[in-house]
Amino acid sequence: MHLYTQSLSPNGQRVGVFMKEKNIEIPATEIDLRGGQNLSEEHRARNPFGRVPVLELDSGSFLSESNAICLYLEGIHPDPNLFGSSAEEKAIIEMWSRRVELNVLMPVAQAFRNITGFFKDREKIVPEWGEVSAEAAQAAVALFDDHLAGSKYICGDRYSIADMTLAITLNFAKSVGQDLLGSKHIARWHTEVTSRPSFAP
């Protein structure tokens, strides 16, 4: 297998942290997003949407979307389990993972793109939408803070991919000037999650 990624991007980090949790090593190539390497014909042959990460399988086929890549790796390296064991546990982890992606990760990404103008050479920038997105992310994090008042991790007493995704998203938000870590329970949870060896540089 071979991984094409941008290891500092949130989705690249998600696959990277997941691999560390599983103690998996896969040869990787860094793709230059700022320089537009992800939009090259060579990379679009791997993923027509021109995004990273992409995992090339031994069969020669390609998997994209970070969650799909992590799910595949979970299938071939089931321990430690990060997606859930029972049908109920899997559904609960998926539910919270989707809540993280839709209500925090996506707004943070939109805030970053539209406020910083990082990709202004290739997409229309709407600063007002960036501000609205930043406010939406803040409101969603407040709901997660309420939830974590009665829960060690997002899905109870066990660490899962939902925790991983939210922690990476909040780290990214802070790195681009949006600090979402001020709430009491979020701060406690974030310290615990990011102290795991998989989050070490």
N, C-alpha and C. Protein backbone atom coordinates (compact mmCIF):
# COMPACT_ATOMS: atom_id res chain seq x y z
N MET A 1 0.84 -1.19 0.00
CA MET A 1 0.00 0.00 0.00
C MET A 1 0.88 1.24 0.00
N HIS A 2 0.27 2.35 -0.46
CA HIS A 2 0.98 3.62 -0.46
C HIS A 2 -0.03 4.73 -0.18
N LEU A 3 0.37 5.69 0.67
CA LEU A 3 -0.51 6.77 1.08
C LEU A 3 -0.05 8.08 0.45
N TYR A 4 -0.99 8.77 -0.18
CA TYR A 4 -0.75 10.12 -0.70
C TYR A 4 -1.50 11.07 0.21
N THR A 5 -0.80 12.01 0.83
CA THR A 5 -1.42 12.77 1.90
C THR A 5 -0.81 14.16 2.02
N GLN A 6 -1.41 14.97 2.85
CA GLN A 6 -0.81 16.21 3.34
C GLN A 6 -0.94 16.09 4.84
N SER A 7 0.14 15.74 5.50
CA SER A 7 0.07 15.29 6.88
C SER A 7 -0.35 16.37 7.87
N LEU A 8 -0.29 17.66 7.47
CA LEU A 8 -0.70 18.73 8.37
C LEU A 8 -2.18 19.10 8.21
N SER A 9 -2.82 18.62 7.16
CA SER A 9 -4.24 18.90 6.97
C SER A 9 -5.06 18.07 7.96
N PRO A 10 -6.25 18.53 8.33
CA PRO A 10 -7.06 17.75 9.29
C PRO A 10 -7.31 16.32 8.85
N ASN A 11 -7.64 16.12 7.57
CA ASN A 11 -7.93 14.76 7.12
C ASN A 11 -6.67 13.92 7.02
N GLY A 12 -5.57 14.55 6.65
CA GLY A 12 -4.30 13.83 6.67
C GLY A 12 -3.90 13.44 8.07
N GLN A 13 -4.14 14.34 9.02
CA GLN A 13 -3.84 14.04 10.42
C GLN A 13 -4.71 12.90 10.93
N ARG A 14 -5.97 12.88 10.51
CA ARG A 14 -6.86 11.83 11.00
C ARG A 14 -6.32 10.45 10.62
N VAL A 15 -5.91 10.29 9.38
CA VAL A 15 -5.34 9.01 8.96
C VAL A 15 -4.02 8.75 9.67
N GLY A 16 -3.20 9.79 9.83
CA GLY A 16 -1.92 9.61 10.50
C GLY A 16 -2.04 9.19 11.95
N VAL A 17 -2.93 9.85 12.69
CA VAL A 17 -3.15 9.49 14.09
C VAL A 17 -3.75 8.09 14.19
N PHE A 18 -4.69 7.79 13.30
CA PHE A 18 -5.31 6.47 13.29
C PHE A 18 -4.26 5.38 13.08
N MET A 19 -3.35 5.60 12.15
CA MET A 19 -2.29 4.62 11.90
C MET A 19 -1.40 4.45 13.12
N LYS A 20 -1.10 5.53 13.83
CA LYS A 20 -0.29 5.42 15.04
C LYS A 20 -1.02 4.63 16.11
N GLU A 21 -2.32 4.85 16.25
CA GLU A 21 -3.09 4.09 17.23
C GLU A 21 -3.04 2.60 16.92
N LYS A 22 -3.00 2.26 15.64
CA LYS A 22 -2.98 0.86 15.21
C LYS A 22 -1.56 0.31 15.07
N ASN A 23 -0.57 1.19 15.24
CA ASN A 23 0.83 0.81 15.03
C ASN A 23 1.05 0.29 13.60
N ILE A 24 0.47 1.03 12.64
CA ILE A 24 0.59 0.69 11.22
C ILE A 24 1.57 1.66 10.57
N GLU A 25 2.44 1.14 9.74
CA GLU A 25 3.33 2.00 8.95
C GLU A 25 3.08 1.74 7.47
N ILE A 26 2.83 2.81 6.72
CA ILE A 26 2.58 2.72 5.29
C ILE A 26 3.44 3.77 4.60
N PRO A 27 4.20 3.42 3.58
CA PRO A 27 4.97 4.43 2.85
C PRO A 27 4.06 5.55 2.36
N ALA A 28 4.54 6.79 2.44
CA ALA A 28 3.68 7.92 2.12
C ALA A 28 4.41 8.95 1.26
N THR A 29 3.63 9.63 0.44
CA THR A 29 4.10 10.75 -0.36
C THR A 29 3.31 11.99 0.03
N GLU A 30 4.01 13.08 0.36
CA GLU A 30 3.35 14.33 0.69
C GLU A 30 2.92 15.06 -0.59
N ILE A 31 1.67 15.50 -0.61
CA ILE A 31 1.13 16.23 -1.75
C ILE A 31 1.07 17.72 -1.39
N ASP A 32 1.60 18.56 -2.26
CA ASP A 32 1.66 20.01 -2.02
C ASP A 32 0.32 20.65 -2.38
N LEU A 33 -0.51 20.92 -1.37
CA LEU A 33 -1.82 21.52 -1.62
C LEU A 33 -1.68 22.98 -2.03
N ARG A 34 -0.82 23.72 -1.37
CA ARG A 34 -0.64 25.14 -1.68
C ARG A 34 -0.18 25.32 -3.12
N GLY A 35 0.68 24.43 -3.56
CA GLY A 35 1.18 24.51 -4.93
C GLY A 35 0.26 23.90 -5.96
N GLY A 36 -0.85 23.29 -5.51
CA GLY A 36 -1.83 22.74 -6.44
C GLY A 36 -1.50 21.36 -6.98
N GLN A 37 -0.56 20.66 -6.34
CA GLN A 37 -0.19 19.33 -6.82
C GLN A 37 -1.37 18.37 -6.79
N ASN A 38 -2.30 18.61 -5.87
CA ASN A 38 -3.49 17.75 -5.76
C ASN A 38 -4.41 17.90 -6.96
N LEU A 39 -4.24 18.96 -7.75
CA LEU A 39 -5.09 19.19 -8.92
C LEU A 39 -4.44 18.70 -10.21
N SER A 40 -3.26 18.11 -10.09
CA SER A 40 -2.56 17.61 -11.28
C SER A 40 -3.29 16.40 -11.86
N GLU A 41 -3.04 16.15 -13.14
CA GLU A 41 -3.65 14.98 -13.79
C GLU A 41 -3.23 13.69 -13.08
N GLU A 42 -1.98 13.66 -12.66
CA GLU A 42 -1.47 12.47 -11.98
C GLU A 42 -2.26 12.18 -10.71
N HIS A 43 -2.52 13.22 -9.92
CA HIS A 43 -3.26 12.97 -8.67
C HIS A 43 -4.75 12.77 -8.93
N ARG A 44 -5.30 13.47 -9.92
CA ARG A 44 -6.72 13.27 -10.23
C ARG A 44 -7.00 11.86 -10.74
N ALA A 45 -5.97 11.19 -11.25
CA ALA A 45 -6.14 9.79 -11.64
C ALA A 45 -6.35 8.92 -10.40
N ARG A 46 -5.85 9.38 -9.26
CA ARG A 46 -6.07 8.67 -8.00
C ARG A 46 -7.40 9.05 -7.38
N ASN A 47 -7.72 10.34 -7.44
CA ASN A 47 -8.98 10.86 -6.88
C ASN A 47 -9.46 11.99 -7.78
N PRO A 48 -10.53 11.77 -8.55
CA PRO A 48 -11.00 12.79 -9.49
C PRO A 48 -11.40 14.11 -8.83
N PHE A 49 -11.65 14.08 -7.51
CA PHE A 49 -12.00 15.31 -6.80
C PHE A 49 -10.76 16.10 -6.37
N GLY A 50 -9.58 15.52 -6.60
CA GLY A 50 -8.35 16.23 -6.34
C GLY A 50 -8.08 16.50 -4.88
N ARG A 51 -8.44 15.57 -4.02
CA ARG A 51 -8.25 15.78 -2.58
C ARG A 51 -7.33 14.71 -2.00
N VAL A 52 -6.89 14.98 -0.79
CA VAL A 52 -6.07 14.02 -0.04
C VAL A 52 -6.72 13.83 1.33
N PRO A 53 -6.43 12.69 1.96
CA PRO A 53 -5.51 11.63 1.57
C PRO A 53 -6.14 10.64 0.59
N VAL A 54 -5.26 9.88 -0.06
CA VAL A 54 -5.65 8.78 -0.93
C VAL A 54 -4.77 7.59 -0.57
N LEU A 55 -5.38 6.43 -0.40
CA LEU A 55 -4.63 5.21 -0.11
C LEU A 55 -4.67 4.31 -1.33
N GLU A 56 -3.49 4.03 -1.88
CA GLU A 56 -3.39 3.08 -2.98
C GLU A 56 -3.24 1.68 -2.39
N LEU A 57 -4.16 0.80 -2.75
CA LEU A 57 -4.14 -0.56 -2.22
C LEU A 57 -3.20 -1.43 -3.05
N ASP A 58 -2.87 -2.58 -2.49
CA ASP A 58 -1.98 -3.50 -3.20
C ASP A 58 -2.60 -4.00 -4.49
N SER A 59 -3.93 -3.93 -4.58
CA SER A 59 -4.64 -4.35 -5.79
C SER A 59 -4.50 -3.33 -6.91
N GLY A 60 -4.03 -2.12 -6.57
CA GLY A 60 -3.92 -1.06 -7.55
C GLY A 60 -5.09 -0.09 -7.54
N SER A 61 -6.11 -0.39 -6.75
CA SER A 61 -7.25 0.52 -6.64
C SER A 61 -6.95 1.58 -5.59
N PHE A 62 -7.77 2.63 -5.58
CA PHE A 62 -7.54 3.77 -4.70
C PHE A 62 -8.73 4.02 -3.79
N LEU A 63 -8.43 4.31 -2.53
CA LEU A 63 -9.44 4.72 -1.56
C LEU A 63 -9.18 6.16 -1.18
N SER A 64 -10.22 6.99 -1.23
CA SER A 64 -10.09 8.35 -0.73
C SER A 64 -11.17 8.59 0.32
N GLU A 65 -11.16 9.78 0.91
CA GLU A 65 -11.97 10.15 2.07
C GLU A 65 -11.35 9.50 3.32
N SER A 66 -10.93 10.34 4.24
CA SER A 66 -10.17 9.85 5.39
C SER A 66 -10.93 8.84 6.23
N ASN A 67 -12.23 9.03 6.39
CA ASN A 67 -12.99 8.08 7.20
C ASN A 67 -13.04 6.70 6.54
N ALA A 68 -13.18 6.68 5.20
CA ALA A 68 -13.20 5.41 4.48
C ALA A 68 -11.85 4.70 4.59
N ILE A 69 -10.77 5.47 4.52
CA ILE A 69 -9.44 4.89 4.66
C ILE A 69 -9.28 4.29 6.05
N CYS A 70 -9.71 5.03 7.07
CA CYS A 70 -9.60 4.52 8.44
C CYS A 70 -10.46 3.27 8.63
N LEU A 71 -11.63 3.25 8.03
CA LEU A 71 -12.51 2.08 8.14
C LEU A 71 -11.86 0.86 7.49
N TYR A 72 -11.21 1.06 6.36
CA TYR A 72 -10.50 -0.04 5.70
C TYR A 72 -9.37 -0.55 6.60
N LEU A 73 -8.60 0.37 7.16
CA LEU A 73 -7.49 -0.04 8.03
C LEU A 73 -8.00 -0.75 9.27
N GLU A 74 -9.15 -0.32 9.78
CA GLU A 74 -9.77 -1.02 10.92
C GLU A 74 -10.11 -2.46 10.54
N GLY A 75 -10.57 -2.65 9.30
CA GLY A 75 -10.94 -3.98 8.85
C GLY A 75 -9.77 -4.94 8.77
N ILE A 76 -8.61 -4.42 8.36
CA ILE A 76 -7.46 -5.32 8.22
C ILE A 76 -6.57 -5.33 9.46
N HIS A 77 -6.77 -4.35 10.34
CA HIS A 77 -6.05 -4.29 11.62
C HIS A 77 -7.08 -3.98 12.72
N PRO A 78 -7.85 -4.96 13.14
CA PRO A 78 -9.00 -4.69 14.01
C PRO A 78 -8.68 -4.25 15.43
N ASP A 79 -7.45 -4.42 15.88
CA ASP A 79 -7.10 -4.04 17.25
C ASP A 79 -6.01 -2.96 17.27
N PRO A 80 -6.18 -1.97 18.14
CA PRO A 80 -7.32 -1.71 19.02
C PRO A 80 -8.52 -1.20 18.23
N ASN A 81 -9.68 -1.55 18.71
CA ASN A 81 -10.92 -1.20 18.00
C ASN A 81 -11.24 0.28 18.19
N LEU A 82 -11.50 0.98 17.09
CA LEU A 82 -11.79 2.42 17.16
C LEU A 82 -13.13 2.80 16.54
N PHE A 83 -13.79 1.85 15.89
CA PHE A 83 -15.08 2.11 15.26
C PHE A 83 -16.25 1.43 15.98
N GLY A 84 -15.95 0.68 17.04
CA GLY A 84 -17.00 -0.01 17.76
C GLY A 84 -17.03 -1.50 17.47
N SER A 85 -17.57 -2.26 18.43
CA SER A 85 -17.62 -3.72 18.30
C SER A 85 -19.03 -4.21 18.00
N SER A 86 -19.96 -3.93 18.89
CA SER A 86 -21.34 -4.36 18.69
C SER A 86 -22.05 -3.46 17.69
N ALA A 87 -23.20 -3.90 17.21
CA ALA A 87 -23.99 -3.09 16.28
C ALA A 87 -24.36 -1.75 16.91
N GLU A 88 -24.75 -1.79 18.19
CA GLU A 88 -25.13 -0.55 18.87
C GLU A 88 -23.94 0.38 19.02
N GLU A 89 -22.81 -0.17 19.44
CA GLU A 89 -21.62 0.66 19.65
C GLU A 89 -21.16 1.28 18.33
N LYS A 90 -21.17 0.50 17.26
CA LYS A 90 -20.78 1.04 15.95
C LYS A 90 -21.70 2.18 15.53
N ALA A 91 -23.00 2.01 15.77
CA ALA A 91 -23.96 3.05 15.39
C ALA A 91 -23.77 4.31 16.21
N ILE A 92 -23.52 4.16 17.50
CA ILE A 92 -23.31 5.33 18.37
C ILE A 92 -22.05 6.09 17.96
N ILE A 93 -20.97 5.36 17.69
CA ILE A 93 -19.73 6.01 17.26
C ILE A 93 -19.92 6.70 15.92
N GLU A 94 -20.63 6.06 15.00
CA GLU A 94 -20.91 6.68 13.71
C GLU A 94 -21.76 7.94 13.88
N MET A 95 -22.75 7.87 14.75
CA MET A 95 -23.62 9.03 15.01
C MET A 95 -22.80 10.23 15.48
N TRP A 96 -21.94 10.00 16.47
CA TRP A 96 -21.15 11.10 17.01
C TRP A 96 -20.07 11.55 16.04
N SER A 97 -19.53 10.63 15.27
CA SER A 97 -18.53 11.00 14.26
C SER A 97 -19.14 11.93 13.22
N ARG A 98 -20.36 11.61 12.80
CA ARG A 98 -21.05 12.46 11.82
C ARG A 98 -21.36 13.82 12.43
N ARG A 99 -21.72 13.85 13.69
CA ARG A 99 -21.97 15.13 14.36
C ARG A 99 -20.71 15.99 14.39
N VAL A 100 -19.58 15.35 14.63
CA VAL A 100 -18.31 16.08 14.62
C VAL A 100 -18.05 16.64 13.22
N GLU A 101 -18.17 15.79 12.22
CA GLU A 101 -17.84 16.19 10.85
C GLU A 101 -18.76 17.30 10.35
N LEU A 102 -20.06 17.12 10.54
CA LEU A 102 -21.03 18.06 9.98
C LEU A 102 -21.10 19.38 10.74
N ASN A 103 -20.95 19.31 12.06
CA ASN A 103 -21.20 20.49 12.90
C ASN A 103 -19.95 21.22 13.37
N VAL A 104 -18.79 20.56 13.27
CA VAL A 104 -17.55 21.22 13.71
C VAL A 104 -16.51 21.23 12.58
N LEU A 105 -16.16 20.06 12.06
CA LEU A 105 -15.11 19.99 11.05
C LEU A 105 -15.45 20.81 9.81
N MET A 106 -16.65 20.63 9.27
CA MET A 106 -17.00 21.36 8.05
C MET A 106 -17.06 22.88 8.28
N PRO A 107 -17.71 23.36 9.36
CA PRO A 107 -17.68 24.81 9.59
C PRO A 107 -16.27 25.37 9.82
N VAL A 108 -15.44 24.64 10.55
CA VAL A 108 -14.07 25.10 10.77
C VAL A 108 -13.33 25.19 9.43
N ALA A 109 -13.52 24.19 8.57
CA ALA A 109 -12.87 24.21 7.26
C ALA A 109 -13.36 25.39 6.42
N GLN A 110 -14.67 25.65 6.46
CA GLN A 110 -15.21 26.78 5.70
C GLN A 110 -14.72 28.11 6.25
N ALA A 111 -14.62 28.21 7.57
CA ALA A 111 -14.08 29.43 8.17
C ALA A 111 -12.64 29.65 7.71
N PHE A 112 -11.84 28.59 7.75
CA PHE A 112 -10.44 28.69 7.33
C PHE A 112 -10.34 29.14 5.87
N ARG A 113 -11.08 28.49 4.99
CA ARG A 113 -10.96 28.77 3.55
C ARG A 113 -11.43 30.18 3.22
N ASN A 114 -12.53 30.61 3.85
CA ASN A 114 -13.14 31.88 3.48
C ASN A 114 -12.60 33.09 4.24
N ILE A 115 -12.01 32.87 5.40
CA ILE A 115 -11.43 33.98 6.15
C ILE A 115 -9.97 34.19 5.76
N THR A 116 -9.21 33.11 5.63
CA THR A 116 -7.79 33.25 5.29
C THR A 116 -7.56 33.42 3.80
N GLY A 117 -8.49 32.92 2.97
CA GLY A 117 -8.29 32.98 1.53
C GLY A 117 -7.16 32.09 1.05
N PHE A 118 -6.90 31.01 1.77
CA PHE A 118 -5.77 30.12 1.47
C PHE A 118 -5.84 29.60 0.03
N PHE A 119 -7.06 29.32 -0.46
CA PHE A 119 -7.22 28.78 -1.81
C PHE A 119 -7.87 29.80 -2.75
N LYS A 120 -7.61 31.09 -2.53
CA LYS A 120 -8.29 32.12 -3.32
C LYS A 120 -7.92 32.08 -4.80
N ASP A 121 -6.82 31.41 -5.13
CA ASP A 121 -6.43 31.30 -6.54
C ASP A 121 -7.24 30.27 -7.29
N ARG A 122 -8.06 29.49 -6.56
CA ARG A 122 -8.80 28.42 -7.24
C ARG A 122 -10.26 28.30 -6.82
N GLU A 123 -10.73 29.15 -5.91
CA GLU A 123 -12.13 29.11 -5.51
C GLU A 123 -12.59 30.48 -5.04
N LYS A 124 -13.90 30.72 -5.13
CA LYS A 124 -14.45 32.00 -4.71
C LYS A 124 -14.45 32.08 -3.19
N ILE A 125 -14.00 33.21 -2.67
CA ILE A 125 -13.90 33.42 -1.23
C ILE A 125 -15.03 34.35 -0.78
N VAL A 126 -15.75 33.95 0.26
CA VAL A 126 -16.84 34.76 0.82
C VAL A 126 -16.55 34.95 2.31
N PRO A 127 -15.87 36.03 2.67
CA PRO A 127 -15.48 36.23 4.07
C PRO A 127 -16.65 36.18 5.04
N GLU A 128 -17.81 36.70 4.61
CA GLU A 128 -18.98 36.68 5.50
C GLU A 128 -19.39 35.25 5.83
N TRP A 129 -19.30 34.36 4.85
CA TRP A 129 -19.62 32.95 5.10
C TRP A 129 -18.61 32.33 6.06
N GLY A 130 -17.38 32.76 5.95
CA GLY A 130 -16.37 32.29 6.89
C GLY A 130 -16.71 32.66 8.31
N GLU A 131 -17.18 33.89 8.52
CA GLU A 131 -17.55 34.33 9.87
C GLU A 131 -18.76 33.56 10.39
N VAL A 132 -19.75 33.35 9.52
CA VAL A 132 -20.93 32.57 9.92
C VAL A 132 -20.52 31.15 10.30
N SER A 133 -19.62 30.57 9.52
CA SER A 133 -19.15 29.21 9.78
C SER A 133 -18.41 29.13 11.11
N ALA A 134 -17.60 30.14 11.41
CA ALA A 134 -16.87 30.17 12.68
C ALA A 134 -17.83 30.21 13.85
N GLU A 135 -18.90 31.00 13.73
CA GLU A 135 -19.91 31.07 14.79
C GLU A 135 -20.63 29.74 14.95
N ALA A 136 -20.91 29.07 13.83
CA ALA A 136 -21.59 27.77 13.89
C ALA A 136 -20.72 26.74 14.59
N ALA A 137 -19.43 26.75 14.31
CA ALA A 137 -18.51 25.82 14.97
C ALA A 137 -18.48 26.07 16.47
N GLN A 138 -18.45 27.34 16.87
CA GLN A 138 -18.43 27.69 18.29
C GLN A 138 -19.68 27.19 18.99
N ALA A 139 -20.84 27.36 18.35
CA ALA A 139 -22.10 26.90 18.94
C ALA A 139 -22.13 25.39 19.08
N ALA A 140 -21.60 24.68 18.08
CA ALA A 140 -21.59 23.22 18.14
C ALA A 140 -20.67 22.72 19.24
N VAL A 141 -19.52 23.36 19.40
CA VAL A 141 -18.58 22.95 20.45
C VAL A 141 -19.20 23.12 21.82
N ALA A 142 -20.05 24.13 21.99
CA ALA A 142 -20.74 24.31 23.27
C ALA A 142 -21.63 23.11 23.58
N LEU A 143 -22.25 22.53 22.56
CA LEU A 143 -23.08 21.34 22.76
C LEU A 143 -22.21 20.13 23.13
N PHE A 144 -21.06 20.01 22.50
CA PHE A 144 -20.14 18.93 22.86
C PHE A 144 -19.64 19.11 24.29
N ASP A 145 -19.41 20.34 24.70
CA ASP A 145 -18.98 20.60 26.07
C ASP A 145 -20.05 20.13 27.06
N ASP A 146 -21.30 20.43 26.78
CA ASP A 146 -22.40 19.96 27.63
C ASP A 146 -22.41 18.43 27.70
N HIS A 147 -22.23 17.80 26.55
CA HIS A 147 -22.24 16.33 26.50
C HIS A 147 -21.10 15.74 27.32
N LEU A 148 -19.92 16.35 27.23
CA LEU A 148 -18.74 15.82 27.92
C LEU A 148 -18.77 16.07 29.42
N ALA A 149 -19.73 16.85 29.89
CA ALA A 149 -19.88 17.04 31.34
C ALA A 149 -20.19 15.72 32.03
N GLY A 150 -20.81 14.80 31.31
CA GLY A 150 -21.17 13.52 31.90
C GLY A 150 -20.54 12.33 31.23
N SER A 151 -19.45 12.56 30.48
CA SER A 151 -18.85 11.47 29.71
C SER A 151 -17.35 11.67 29.61
N LYS A 152 -16.57 10.62 29.86
CA LYS A 152 -15.12 10.72 29.76
C LYS A 152 -14.70 11.03 28.33
N TYR A 153 -15.24 10.25 27.41
CA TYR A 153 -14.98 10.45 25.99
C TYR A 153 -16.30 10.77 25.29
N ILE A 154 -16.25 11.04 24.02
CA ILE A 154 -17.48 11.39 23.30
C ILE A 154 -18.48 10.25 23.33
N CYS A 155 -18.00 9.03 23.23
CA CYS A 155 -18.90 7.87 23.22
C CYS A 155 -18.76 7.06 24.50
N GLY A 156 -18.85 7.73 25.63
CA GLY A 156 -18.81 7.04 26.91
C GLY A 156 -17.41 6.90 27.46
N ASP A 157 -17.10 5.70 27.96
CA ASP A 157 -15.81 5.48 28.61
C ASP A 157 -14.74 4.95 27.67
N ARG A 158 -15.05 4.85 26.38
CA ARG A 158 -14.06 4.31 25.46
C ARG A 158 -13.68 5.34 24.40
N TYR A 159 -12.39 5.37 24.11
CA TYR A 159 -11.84 6.25 23.08
C TYR A 159 -12.21 5.71 21.71
N SER A 160 -12.56 6.61 20.79
CA SER A 160 -12.96 6.17 19.46
C SER A 160 -12.53 7.17 18.40
N ILE A 161 -12.82 6.86 17.16
CA ILE A 161 -12.47 7.76 16.07
C ILE A 161 -13.20 9.09 16.19
N ALA A 162 -14.33 9.12 16.88
CA ALA A 162 -15.04 10.39 17.08
C ALA A 162 -14.19 11.35 17.91
N ASP A 163 -13.54 10.85 18.95
CA ASP A 163 -12.64 11.68 19.76
C ASP A 163 -11.46 12.18 18.92
N MET A 164 -10.91 11.28 18.16
CA MET A 164 -9.77 11.61 17.32
C MET A 164 -10.11 12.74 16.36
N THR A 165 -11.24 12.62 15.69
CA THR A 165 -11.64 13.62 14.69
C THR A 165 -11.90 14.98 15.33
N LEU A 166 -12.58 15.00 16.46
CA LEU A 166 -12.87 16.28 17.11
C LEU A 166 -11.59 16.93 17.62
N ALA A 167 -10.71 16.16 18.23
CA ALA A 167 -9.46 16.73 18.75
C ALA A 167 -8.61 17.32 17.63
N ILE A 168 -8.51 16.61 16.52
CA ILE A 168 -7.74 17.10 15.38
C ILE A 168 -8.37 18.37 14.82
N THR A 169 -9.70 18.40 14.76
CA THR A 169 -10.40 19.59 14.26
C THR A 169 -10.15 20.80 15.15
N LEU A 170 -10.21 20.60 16.47
CA LEU A 170 -9.99 21.71 17.39
C LEU A 170 -8.54 22.19 17.35
N ASN A 171 -7.61 21.26 17.17
CA ASN A 171 -6.20 21.65 17.01
C ASN A 171 -6.02 22.51 15.76
N PHE A 172 -6.65 22.07 14.67
CA PHE A 172 -6.55 22.82 13.41
C PHE A 172 -7.17 24.20 13.55
N ALA A 173 -8.34 24.26 14.18
CA ALA A 173 -9.01 25.55 14.38
C ALA A 173 -8.10 26.52 15.13
N LYS A 174 -7.46 26.02 16.18
CA LYS A 174 -6.58 26.88 16.97
C LYS A 174 -5.39 27.35 16.14
N SER A 175 -4.86 26.47 15.29
CA SER A 175 -3.69 26.82 14.49
C SER A 175 -3.99 27.90 13.47
N VAL A 176 -5.28 28.07 13.11
CA VAL A 176 -5.65 29.10 12.13
C VAL A 176 -6.41 30.25 12.80
N GLY A 177 -6.25 30.36 14.12
CA GLY A 177 -6.76 31.53 14.81
C GLY A 177 -8.14 31.43 15.42
N GLN A 178 -8.72 30.23 15.46
CA GLN A 178 -10.03 30.07 16.09
C GLN A 178 -9.89 29.12 17.29
N ASP A 179 -9.82 29.67 18.47
CA ASP A 179 -9.62 28.86 19.67
C ASP A 179 -10.98 28.41 20.21
N LEU A 180 -11.23 27.11 20.12
CA LEU A 180 -12.50 26.54 20.56
C LEU A 180 -12.33 25.70 21.82
N LEU A 181 -11.22 25.91 22.53
CA LEU A 181 -10.86 25.05 23.66
C LEU A 181 -11.14 25.68 25.01
N GLY A 182 -11.90 26.77 25.05
CA GLY A 182 -12.07 27.49 26.30
C GLY A 182 -13.05 26.89 27.28
N SER A 183 -13.91 25.99 26.83
CA SER A 183 -14.93 25.43 27.72
C SER A 183 -14.33 24.38 28.65
N LYS A 184 -14.85 24.30 29.86
CA LYS A 184 -14.28 23.47 30.91
C LYS A 184 -14.16 22.00 30.52
N HIS A 185 -15.24 21.40 30.08
CA HIS A 185 -15.24 19.95 29.82
C HIS A 185 -14.50 19.63 28.53
N ILE A 186 -14.63 20.49 27.53
CA ILE A 186 -13.86 20.33 26.29
C ILE A 186 -12.37 20.38 26.60
N ALA A 187 -11.96 21.32 27.45
CA ALA A 187 -10.54 21.47 27.79
C ALA A 187 -10.02 20.22 28.49
N ARG A 188 -10.78 19.69 29.46
CA ARG A 188 -10.37 18.48 30.18
C ARG A 188 -10.25 17.31 29.22
N TRP A 189 -11.27 17.13 28.38
CA TRP A 189 -11.28 16.04 27.41
C TRP A 189 -10.14 16.18 26.41
N HIS A 190 -9.92 17.38 25.90
CA HIS A 190 -8.89 17.62 24.89
C HIS A 190 -7.50 17.31 25.44
N THR A 191 -7.24 17.70 26.67
CA THR A 191 -5.95 17.41 27.29
C THR A 191 -5.72 15.91 27.37
N GLU A 192 -6.75 15.18 27.75
CA GLU A 192 -6.61 13.72 27.87
C GLU A 192 -6.38 13.07 26.51
N VAL A 193 -7.16 13.47 25.52
CA VAL A 193 -7.05 12.85 24.20
C VAL A 193 -5.70 13.17 23.55
N THR A 194 -5.30 14.42 23.59
CA THR A 194 -4.07 14.80 22.89
C THR A 194 -2.79 14.43 23.64
N SER A 195 -2.94 13.89 24.85
CA SER A 195 -1.76 13.37 25.56
C SER A 195 -1.44 11.94 25.14
N ARG A 196 -2.30 11.36 24.31
CA ARG A 196 -2.03 10.00 23.82
C ARG A 196 -0.80 10.02 22.91
N PRO A 197 0.00 8.95 22.92
CA PRO A 197 1.21 8.91 22.09
C PRO A 197 0.93 9.14 20.60
N SER A 198 -0.25 8.77 20.14
CA SER A 198 -0.58 8.92 18.72
C SER A 198 -0.64 10.38 18.29
N PHE A 199 -0.79 11.30 19.25
CA PHE A 199 -0.84 12.73 18.93
C PHE A 199 0.52 13.40 19.02
N ALA A 200 1.53 12.67 19.43
CA ALA A 200 2.88 13.24 19.50
C ALA A 200 3.39 13.52 18.09
N PRO A 201 4.15 14.59 17.90
CA PRO A 201 4.67 14.92 16.56
C PRO A 201 5.52 13.80 15.98
